[in-house]
Amino acid sequence: MAKEGKSPPEWDKGIGGRFSLYAMAIVINKMARKTLVDGEAIRRHARKKDWYLAVFFLSSFIAAMSMVGVFYYLYGP
């Protein structure tokens, strides 16, 4: 992407917050018109392995949030 003149977002320097946006851009084919990352460029440069990694990342995040919700419901105040 650097050859096309696309650089990482200025708002994310070091903390890795863009990984979830990249994963959603790879897995979800429809993106909003104005997003924080360039979804078309990300999908154009993504490999098949990246799609599997993005699905794993998003599914594990959903599973973890579901477990947090269940534990809060069972053991919360």
PDB file of N, CA and C in Angstrom:
ATOM      1  N   MET A   1       0.820  -1.191   0.000  1.00  0.00           N
ATOM      2  CA  MET A   1       0.000   0.000   0.000  1.00  0.00           C
ATOM      3  C   MET A   1       0.864   1.255   0.000  1.00  0.00           C
ATOM      4  N   ALA A   2       2.094   1.106   0.453  1.00  0.00           N
ATOM      5  CA  ALA A   2       2.981   2.266   0.463  1.00  0.00           C
ATOM      6  C   ALA A   2       3.319   2.707  -0.965  1.00  0.00           C
ATOM      7  N   LYS A   3       3.354   1.759  -1.907  1.00  0.00           N
ATOM      8  CA  LYS A   3       3.637   2.113  -3.301  1.00  0.00           C
ATOM      9  C   LYS A   3       2.518   2.960  -3.898  1.00  0.00           C
ATOM     10  N   GLU A   4       1.290   2.787  -3.378  1.00  0.00           N
ATOM     11  CA  GLU A   4       0.149   3.576  -3.842  1.00  0.00           C
ATOM     12  C   GLU A   4       0.035   4.913  -3.129  1.00  0.00           C
ATOM     13  N   GLY A   5       0.910   5.143  -2.168  1.00  0.00           N
ATOM     14  CA  GLY A   5       0.872   6.398  -1.426  1.00  0.00           C
ATOM     15  C   GLY A   5      -0.067   6.356  -0.236  1.00  0.00           C
ATOM     16  N   LYS A   6      -0.497   5.167   0.168  1.00  0.00           N
ATOM     17  CA  LYS A   6      -1.391   5.029   1.313  1.00  0.00           C
ATOM     18  C   LYS A   6      -0.561   4.664   2.537  1.00  0.00           C
ATOM     19  N   SER A   7      -0.716   5.422   3.594  1.00  0.00           N
ATOM     20  CA  SER A   7       0.025   5.171   4.826  1.00  0.00           C
ATOM     21  C   SER A   7      -0.959   4.830   5.932  1.00  0.00           C
ATOM     22  N   PRO A   8      -0.464   4.286   7.050  1.00  0.00           N
ATOM     23  CA  PRO A   8      -1.353   4.010   8.182  1.00  0.00           C
ATOM     24  C   PRO A   8      -2.021   5.285   8.673  1.00  0.00           C
ATOM     25  N   PRO A   9      -3.189   5.165   9.296  1.00  0.00           N
ATOM     26  CA  PRO A   9      -3.894   6.356   9.770  1.00  0.00           C
ATOM     27  C   PRO A   9      -3.064   7.154  10.771  1.00  0.00           C
ATOM     28  N   GLU A  10      -3.191   8.457  10.705  1.00  0.00           N
ATOM     29  CA  GLU A  10      -2.447   9.346  11.611  1.00  0.00           C
ATOM     30  C   GLU A  10      -2.923   9.208  13.057  1.00  0.00           C
ATOM     31  N   TRP A  11      -4.191   8.831  13.253  1.00  0.00           N
ATOM     32  CA  TRP A  11      -4.750   8.771  14.601  1.00  0.00           C
ATOM     33  C   TRP A  11      -4.315   7.528  15.347  1.00  0.00           C
ATOM     34  N   ASP A  12      -3.680   6.587  14.679  1.00  0.00           N
ATOM     35  CA  ASP A  12      -3.268   5.348  15.343  1.00  0.00           C
ATOM     36  C   ASP A  12      -1.764   5.187  15.225  1.00  0.00           C
ATOM     37  N   LYS A  13      -1.060   5.659  16.191  1.00  0.00           N
ATOM     38  CA  LYS A  13       0.397   5.543  16.195  1.00  0.00           C
ATOM     39  C   LYS A  13       0.851   4.694  17.380  1.00  0.00           C
ATOM     40  N   GLY A  14       0.902   3.381  17.172  1.00  0.00           N
ATOM     41  CA  GLY A  14       1.499   2.522  18.176  1.00  0.00           C
ATOM     42  C   GLY A  14       0.561   1.663  18.994  1.00  0.00           C
ATOM     43  N   ILE A  15      -0.716   2.006  19.128  1.00  0.00           N
ATOM     44  CA  ILE A  15      -1.569   1.208  20.006  1.00  0.00           C
ATOM     45  C   ILE A  15      -2.284   0.079  19.282  1.00  0.00           C
ATOM     46  N   GLY A  16      -2.339   0.116  17.954  1.00  0.00           N
ATOM     47  CA  GLY A  16      -2.917  -0.986  17.196  1.00  0.00           C
ATOM     48  C   GLY A  16      -4.431  -0.975  17.129  1.00  0.00           C
ATOM     49  N   GLY A  17      -5.045   0.157  17.265  1.00  0.00           N
ATOM     50  CA  GLY A  17      -6.500   0.237  17.206  1.00  0.00           C
ATOM     51  C   GLY A  17      -7.075   0.015  15.827  1.00  0.00           C
ATOM     52  N   ARG A  18      -6.232   0.107  14.809  1.00  0.00           N
ATOM     53  CA  ARG A  18      -6.736  -0.046  13.447  1.00  0.00           C
ATOM     54  C   ARG A  18      -6.925  -1.504  13.062  1.00  0.00           C
ATOM     55  N   PHE A  19      -6.417  -2.451  13.839  1.00  0.00           N
ATOM     56  CA  PHE A  19      -6.529  -3.855  13.469  1.00  0.00           C
ATOM     57  C   PHE A  19      -7.976  -4.318  13.415  1.00  0.00           C
ATOM     58  N   SER A  20      -8.786  -3.860  14.338  1.00  0.00           N
ATOM     59  CA  SER A  20     -10.199  -4.256  14.299  1.00  0.00           C
ATOM     60  C   SER A  20     -10.897  -3.648  13.088  1.00  0.00           C
ATOM     61  N   LEU A  21     -10.540  -2.429  12.707  1.00  0.00           N
ATOM     62  CA  LEU A  21     -11.117  -1.818  11.512  1.00  0.00           C
ATOM     63  C   LEU A  21     -10.655  -2.537  10.251  1.00  0.00           C
ATOM     64  N   TYR A  22      -9.389  -2.953  10.217  1.00  0.00           N
ATOM     65  CA  TYR A  22      -8.888  -3.707   9.070  1.00  0.00           C
ATOM     66  C   TYR A  22      -9.611  -5.047   8.972  1.00  0.00           C
ATOM     67  N   ALA A  23      -9.819  -5.722  10.100  1.00  0.00           N
ATOM     68  CA  ALA A  23     -10.508  -7.014  10.089  1.00  0.00           C
ATOM     69  C   ALA A  23     -11.943  -6.854   9.587  1.00  0.00           C
ATOM     70  N   MET A  24     -12.629  -5.822  10.043  1.00  0.00           N
ATOM     71  CA  MET A  24     -14.000  -5.602   9.572  1.00  0.00           C
ATOM     72  C   MET A  24     -14.011  -5.250   8.092  1.00  0.00           C
ATOM     73  N   ALA A  25     -13.014  -4.506   7.618  1.00  0.00           N
ATOM     74  CA  ALA A  25     -12.955  -4.150   6.196  1.00  0.00           C
ATOM     75  C   ALA A  25     -12.717  -5.380   5.334  1.00  0.00           C
ATOM     76  N   ILE A  26     -11.954  -6.345   5.826  1.00  0.00           N
ATOM     77  CA  ILE A  26     -11.681  -7.555   5.058  1.00  0.00           C
ATOM     78  C   ILE A  26     -12.895  -8.472   5.044  1.00  0.00           C
ATOM     79  N   VAL A  27     -13.552  -8.655   6.182  1.00  0.00           N
ATOM     80  CA  VAL A  27     -14.649  -9.608   6.278  1.00  0.00           C
ATOM     81  C   VAL A  27     -15.942  -9.047   5.686  1.00  0.00           C
ATOM     82  N   ILE A  28     -16.261  -7.814   5.993  1.00  0.00           N
ATOM     83  CA  ILE A  28     -17.515  -7.213   5.536  1.00  0.00           C
ATOM     84  C   ILE A  28     -17.261  -6.541   4.189  1.00  0.00           C
ATOM     85  N   ASN A  29     -18.002  -6.942   3.173  1.00  0.00           N
ATOM     86  CA  ASN A  29     -17.772  -6.400   1.831  1.00  0.00           C
ATOM     87  C   ASN A  29     -18.320  -4.997   1.667  1.00  0.00           C
ATOM     88  N   LYS A  30     -19.338  -4.632   2.419  1.00  0.00           N
ATOM     89  CA  LYS A  30     -19.927  -3.297   2.291  1.00  0.00           C
ATOM     90  C   LYS A  30     -19.330  -2.380   3.346  1.00  0.00           C
ATOM     91  N   MET A  31     -18.816  -1.246   2.889  1.00  0.00           N
ATOM     92  CA  MET A  31     -18.259  -0.254   3.799  1.00  0.00           C
ATOM     93  C   MET A  31     -19.002   1.059   3.603  1.00  0.00           C
ATOM     94  N   ALA A  32     -18.982   1.877   4.606  1.00  0.00           N
ATOM     95  CA  ALA A  32     -19.594   3.194   4.495  1.00  0.00           C
ATOM     96  C   ALA A  32     -18.784   4.054   3.535  1.00  0.00           C
ATOM     97  N   ARG A  33     -19.379   5.118   3.071  1.00  0.00           N
ATOM     98  CA  ARG A  33     -18.671   5.988   2.120  1.00  0.00           C
ATOM     99  C   ARG A  33     -17.447   6.639   2.746  1.00  0.00           C
ATOM    100  N   LYS A  34     -17.602   7.120   3.965  1.00  0.00           N
ATOM    101  CA  LYS A  34     -16.483   7.766   4.658  1.00  0.00           C
ATOM    102  C   LYS A  34     -16.139   6.937   5.887  1.00  0.00           C
ATOM    103  N   THR A  35     -14.998   6.301   5.845  1.00  0.00           N
ATOM    104  CA  THR A  35     -14.548   5.474   6.960  1.00  0.00           C
ATOM    105  C   THR A  35     -13.188   5.960   7.440  1.00  0.00           C
ATOM    106  N   LEU A  36     -12.752   5.407   8.551  1.00  0.00           N
ATOM    107  CA  LEU A  36     -11.447   5.781   9.094  1.00  0.00           C
ATOM    108  C   LEU A  36     -10.305   5.136   8.319  1.00  0.00           C
ATOM    109  N   VAL A  37     -10.576   4.000   7.666  1.00  0.00           N
ATOM    110  CA  VAL A  37      -9.563   3.322   6.850  1.00  0.00           C
ATOM    111  C   VAL A  37     -10.125   3.112   5.446  1.00  0.00           C
ATOM    112  N   ASP A  38      -9.251   2.927   4.478  1.00  0.00           N
ATOM    113  CA  ASP A  38      -9.658   2.722   3.082  1.00  0.00           C
ATOM    114  C   ASP A  38      -9.971   1.243   2.874  1.00  0.00           C
ATOM    115  N   GLY A  39     -11.260   0.897   2.923  1.00  0.00           N
ATOM    116  CA  GLY A  39     -11.673  -0.500   2.837  1.00  0.00           C
ATOM    117  C   GLY A  39     -11.361  -1.145   1.505  1.00  0.00           C
ATOM    118  N   GLU A  40     -11.512  -0.415   0.423  1.00  0.00           N
ATOM    119  CA  GLU A  40     -11.239  -0.989  -0.894  1.00  0.00           C
ATOM    120  C   GLU A  40      -9.763  -1.326  -1.060  1.00  0.00           C
ATOM    121  N   ALA A  41      -8.888  -0.464  -0.601  1.00  0.00           N
ATOM    122  CA  ALA A  41      -7.449  -0.731  -0.696  1.00  0.00           C
ATOM    123  C   ALA A  41      -7.057  -1.905   0.196  1.00  0.00           C
ATOM    124  N   ILE A  42      -7.679  -1.996   1.353  1.00  0.00           N
ATOM    125  CA  ILE A  42      -7.370  -3.103   2.261  1.00  0.00           C
ATOM    126  C   ILE A  42      -7.795  -4.421   1.639  1.00  0.00           C
ATOM    127  N   ARG A  43      -9.021  -4.487   1.092  1.00  0.00           N
ATOM    128  CA  ARG A  43      -9.479  -5.721   0.455  1.00  0.00           C
ATOM    129  C   ARG A  43      -8.654  -6.058  -0.783  1.00  0.00           C
ATOM    130  N   ARG A  44      -8.178  -5.063  -1.499  1.00  0.00           N
ATOM    131  CA  ARG A  44      -7.382  -5.302  -2.702  1.00  0.00           C
ATOM    132  C   ARG A  44      -6.034  -5.939  -2.358  1.00  0.00           C
ATOM    133  N   HIS A  45      -5.458  -5.583  -1.220  1.00  0.00           N
ATOM    134  CA  HIS A  45      -4.138  -6.094  -0.843  1.00  0.00           C
ATOM    135  C   HIS A  45      -4.200  -7.273   0.123  1.00  0.00           C
ATOM    136  N   ALA A  46      -5.375  -7.647   0.577  1.00  0.00           N
ATOM    137  CA  ALA A  46      -5.492  -8.735   1.551  1.00  0.00           C
ATOM    138  C   ALA A  46      -5.309 -10.088   0.869  1.00  0.00           C
ATOM    139  N   ARG A  47      -4.643 -10.971   1.579  1.00  0.00           N
ATOM    140  CA  ARG A  47      -4.468 -12.343   1.095  1.00  0.00           C
ATOM    141  C   ARG A  47      -5.589 -13.208   1.657  1.00  0.00           C
ATOM    142  N   LYS A  48      -5.692 -14.442   1.196  1.00  0.00           N
ATOM    143  CA  LYS A  48      -6.702 -15.363   1.723  1.00  0.00           C
ATOM    144  C   LYS A  48      -6.437 -15.643   3.204  1.00  0.00           C
ATOM    145  N   LYS A  49      -5.161 -15.719   3.561  1.00  0.00           N
ATOM    146  CA  LYS A  49      -4.786 -15.939   4.959  1.00  0.00           C
ATOM    147  C   LYS A  49      -5.280 -14.775   5.836  1.00  0.00           C
ATOM    148  N   ASP A  50      -5.236 -13.564   5.323  1.00  0.00           N
ATOM    149  CA  ASP A  50      -5.711 -12.406   6.070  1.00  0.00           C
ATOM    150  C   ASP A  50      -7.198 -12.502   6.356  1.00  0.00           C
ATOM    151  N   TRP A  51      -7.967 -13.055   5.403  1.00  0.00           N
ATOM    152  CA  TRP A  51      -9.408 -13.223   5.621  1.00  0.00           C
ATOM    153  C   TRP A  51      -9.645 -14.193   6.775  1.00  0.00           C
ATOM    154  N   TYR A  52      -8.916 -15.312   6.798  1.00  0.00           N
ATOM    155  CA  TYR A  52      -9.065 -16.273   7.891  1.00  0.00           C
ATOM    156  C   TYR A  52      -8.657 -15.656   9.231  1.00  0.00           C
ATOM    157  N   LEU A  53      -7.587 -14.910   9.240  1.00  0.00           N
ATOM    158  CA  LEU A  53      -7.150 -14.252  10.478  1.00  0.00           C
ATOM    159  C   LEU A  53      -8.171 -13.217  10.952  1.00  0.00           C
ATOM    160  N   ALA A  54      -8.776 -12.495  10.010  1.00  0.00           N
ATOM    161  CA  ALA A  54      -9.781 -11.491  10.374  1.00  0.00           C
ATOM    162  C   ALA A  54     -11.030 -12.161  10.947  1.00  0.00           C
ATOM    163  N   VAL A  55     -11.456 -13.271  10.337  1.00  0.00           N
ATOM    164  CA  VAL A  55     -12.622 -14.006  10.856  1.00  0.00           C
ATOM    165  C   VAL A  55     -12.313 -14.540  12.250  1.00  0.00           C
ATOM    166  N   PHE A  56     -11.121 -15.079  12.456  1.00  0.00           N
ATOM    167  CA  PHE A  56     -10.742 -15.575  13.776  1.00  0.00           C
ATOM    168  C   PHE A  56     -10.715 -14.446  14.801  1.00  0.00           C
ATOM    169  N   PHE A  57     -10.153 -13.316  14.426  1.00  0.00           N
ATOM    170  CA  PHE A  57     -10.075 -12.174  15.328  1.00  0.00           C
ATOM    171  C   PHE A  57     -11.466 -11.702  15.740  1.00  0.00           C
ATOM    172  N   LEU A  58     -12.353 -11.524  14.764  1.00  0.00           N
ATOM    173  CA  LEU A  58     -13.691 -11.014  15.080  1.00  0.00           C
ATOM    174  C   LEU A  58     -14.524 -12.034  15.850  1.00  0.00           C
ATOM    175  N   SER A  59     -14.416 -13.319  15.491  1.00  0.00           N
ATOM    176  CA  SER A  59     -15.195 -14.333  16.208  1.00  0.00           C
ATOM    177  C   SER A  59     -14.693 -14.507  17.640  1.00  0.00           C
ATOM    178  N   SER A  60     -13.387 -14.435  17.858  1.00  0.00           N
ATOM    179  CA  SER A  60     -12.883 -14.556  19.223  1.00  0.00           C
ATOM    180  C   SER A  60     -13.258 -13.324  20.050  1.00  0.00           C
ATOM    181  N   PHE A  61     -13.318 -12.156  19.426  1.00  0.00           N
ATOM    182  CA  PHE A  61     -13.751 -10.956  20.142  1.00  0.00           C
ATOM    183  C   PHE A  61     -15.225 -11.076  20.542  1.00  0.00           C
ATOM    184  N   ILE A  62     -16.056 -11.554  19.638  1.00  0.00           N
ATOM    185  CA  ILE A  62     -17.479 -11.732  19.946  1.00  0.00           C
ATOM    186  C   ILE A  62     -17.659 -12.778  21.040  1.00  0.00           C
ATOM    187  N   ALA A  63     -16.898 -13.869  20.980  1.00  0.00           N
ATOM    188  CA  ALA A  63     -16.987 -14.907  22.015  1.00  0.00           C
ATOM    189  C   ALA A  63     -16.550 -14.361  23.375  1.00  0.00           C
ATOM    190  N   ALA A  64     -15.489 -13.581  23.405  1.00  0.00           N
ATOM    191  CA  ALA A  64     -15.022 -13.025  24.678  1.00  0.00           C
ATOM    192  C   ALA A  64     -16.037 -12.054  25.260  1.00  0.00           C
ATOM    193  N   MET A  65     -16.619 -11.204  24.429  1.00  0.00           N
ATOM    194  CA  MET A  65     -17.636 -10.266  24.927  1.00  0.00           C
ATOM    195  C   MET A  65     -18.886 -10.992  25.386  1.00  0.00           C
ATOM    196  N   SER A  66     -19.228 -12.087  24.732  1.00  0.00           N
ATOM    197  CA  SER A  66     -20.373 -12.891  25.171  1.00  0.00           C
ATOM    198  C   SER A  66     -20.105 -13.519  26.535  1.00  0.00           C
ATOM    199  N   MET A  67     -18.889 -14.016  26.734  1.00  0.00           N
ATOM    200  CA  MET A  67     -18.548 -14.603  28.034  1.00  0.00           C
ATOM    201  C   MET A  67     -18.556 -13.546  29.122  1.00  0.00           C
ATOM    202  N   VAL A  68     -18.075 -12.365  28.823  1.00  0.00           N
ATOM    203  CA  VAL A  68     -18.108 -11.282  29.808  1.00  0.00           C
ATOM    204  C   VAL A  68     -19.552 -10.960  30.179  1.00  0.00           C
ATOM    205  N   GLY A  69     -20.430 -10.905  29.203  1.00  0.00           N
ATOM    206  CA  GLY A  69     -21.839 -10.639  29.477  1.00  0.00           C
ATOM    207  C   GLY A  69     -22.485 -11.723  30.311  1.00  0.00           C
ATOM    208  N   VAL A  70     -22.173 -12.973  30.012  1.00  0.00           N
ATOM    209  CA  VAL A  70     -22.741 -14.091  30.796  1.00  0.00           C
ATOM    210  C   VAL A  70     -22.219 -14.046  32.225  1.00  0.00           C
ATOM    211  N   PHE A  71     -20.927 -13.844  32.404  1.00  0.00           N
ATOM    212  CA  PHE A  71     -20.381 -13.772  33.764  1.00  0.00           C
ATOM    213  C   PHE A  71     -20.933 -12.584  34.534  1.00  0.00           C
ATOM    214  N   TYR A  72     -21.135 -11.493  33.871  1.00  0.00           N
ATOM    215  CA  TYR A  72     -21.719 -10.333  34.543  1.00  0.00           C
ATOM    216  C   TYR A  72     -23.154 -10.637  34.953  1.00  0.00           C
ATOM    217  N   TYR A  73     -23.899 -11.297  34.087  1.00  0.00           N
ATOM    218  CA  TYR A  73     -25.293 -11.641  34.405  1.00  0.00           C
ATOM    219  C   TYR A  73     -25.354 -12.637  35.555  1.00  0.00           C
ATOM    220  N   LEU A  74     -24.471 -13.633  35.555  1.00  0.00           N
ATOM    221  CA  LEU A  74     -24.513 -14.662  36.595  1.00  0.00           C
ATOM    222  C   LEU A  74     -23.928 -14.204  37.916  1.00  0.00           C
ATOM    223  N   TYR A  75     -22.819 -13.477  37.890  1.00  0.00           N
ATOM    224  CA  TYR A  75     -22.100 -13.167  39.115  1.00  0.00           C
ATOM    225  C   TYR A  75     -22.059 -11.678  39.450  1.00  0.00           C
ATOM    226  N   GLY A  76     -22.702 -10.839  38.643  1.00  0.00           N
ATOM    227  CA  GLY A  76     -22.680  -9.394  38.882  1.00  0.00           C
ATOM    228  C   GLY A  76     -23.580  -8.993  40.026  1.00  0.00           C
ATOM    229  N   PRO A  77     -23.677  -7.714  40.280  1.00  0.00           N
ATOM    230  CA  PRO A  77     -24.456  -7.234  41.428  1.00  0.00           C
ATOM    231  C   PRO A  77     -25.897  -7.490  41.312  1.00  0.00           C
TER     232      PRO A  77
END
